[in-house]
Amino acid sequence: MPTPILIALLCTLAVHYILAVATIYLLLKDKLTKDGKATVTLIVWNIVILFLPIIGPVVYLIYRQTAKKN
């Protein structure tokens, strides 16, 4: 049975992903500046924030596989 801390963490991550996806969607719809540089920067930043929690476990799994081969 999951602990309350694990449930709270999963809920926080779920809300984080929903907000990040919604923000990217809104940024793609809006034009913040005439040249679009601020929009592109914000979209890239939100994509980085969206995938940051995934990068850690993936790197560990890759490291684990390479360590087992050695």
Protein backbone atom coordinates (compact mmCIF):
# COMPACT_ATOMS: atom_id res chain seq x y z
CA MET A 1 0.00 0.00 0.00
CA PRO A 2 1.44 3.41 -0.97
CA THR A 3 2.37 5.79 1.75
CA PRO A 4 0.74 9.24 1.99
CA ILE A 5 4.01 10.87 0.91
CA LEU A 6 4.07 8.79 -2.29
CA ILE A 7 0.44 9.68 -3.03
CA ALA A 8 1.19 13.38 -2.49
CA LEU A 9 4.23 13.17 -4.77
CA LEU A 10 2.25 11.46 -7.53
CA CYS A 11 -0.52 14.05 -7.27
CA THR A 12 2.01 16.87 -7.42
CA LEU A 13 3.66 15.40 -10.52
CA ALA A 14 0.28 14.91 -12.19
CA VAL A 15 -0.67 18.54 -11.59
CA HIS A 16 2.80 19.62 -12.76
CA TYR A 17 2.41 17.80 -16.08
CA ILE A 18 -1.10 19.13 -16.67
CA LEU A 19 0.03 22.69 -16.01
CA ALA A 20 3.13 22.33 -18.19
CA VAL A 21 1.18 20.91 -21.11
CA ALA A 22 -1.51 23.58 -20.76
CA THR A 23 1.14 26.31 -20.66
CA ILE A 24 2.86 24.99 -23.78
CA TYR A 25 -0.51 24.86 -25.54
CA LEU A 26 -1.31 28.45 -24.58
CA LEU A 27 2.15 29.65 -25.60
CA LEU A 28 1.74 28.05 -28.99
CA LYS A 29 -1.57 29.85 -29.43
CA ASP A 30 -0.37 33.27 -28.23
CA LYS A 31 2.20 35.57 -29.73
CA LEU A 32 4.02 37.41 -26.96
CA THR A 33 6.37 39.43 -29.16
CA LYS A 34 6.56 40.44 -32.80
CA ASP A 35 9.73 38.48 -33.50
CA GLY A 36 8.64 35.44 -31.47
CA LYS A 37 11.94 35.03 -29.57
CA ALA A 38 10.30 35.23 -26.14
CA THR A 39 7.66 32.71 -27.18
CA VAL A 40 10.26 30.21 -28.41
CA THR A 41 12.31 30.62 -25.25
CA LEU A 42 9.29 30.03 -23.02
CA ILE A 43 8.21 27.00 -25.02
CA VAL A 44 11.68 25.45 -24.79
CA TRP A 45 11.81 26.18 -21.05
CA ASN A 46 8.42 24.53 -20.47
CA ILE A 47 9.48 21.48 -22.46
CA VAL A 48 12.65 21.19 -20.35
CA ILE A 49 10.59 21.47 -17.16
CA LEU A 50 8.17 18.87 -18.50
CA PHE A 51 10.87 16.27 -19.22
CA LEU A 52 13.19 16.99 -16.28
CA PRO A 53 11.58 14.39 -13.94
CA ILE A 54 11.94 11.77 -16.68
CA ILE A 55 15.64 12.40 -17.38
CA GLY A 56 16.86 11.29 -13.93
CA PRO A 57 15.36 7.78 -13.97
CA VAL A 58 16.35 7.24 -17.61
CA VAL A 59 19.98 8.17 -16.90
CA TYR A 60 20.02 5.81 -13.91
CA LEU A 61 18.58 2.94 -15.95
CA ILE A 62 21.19 3.49 -18.67
CA TYR A 63 23.95 3.61 -16.05
CA ARG A 64 22.64 0.45 -14.41
CA GLN A 65 22.63 -1.45 -17.69
CA THR A 66 26.18 -0.39 -18.54
CA ALA A 67 27.39 -1.21 -15.01
CA LYS A 68 25.95 -4.72 -15.24
CA LYS A 69 27.80 -5.37 -18.50
CA ASN A 70 31.13 -4.49 -16.90
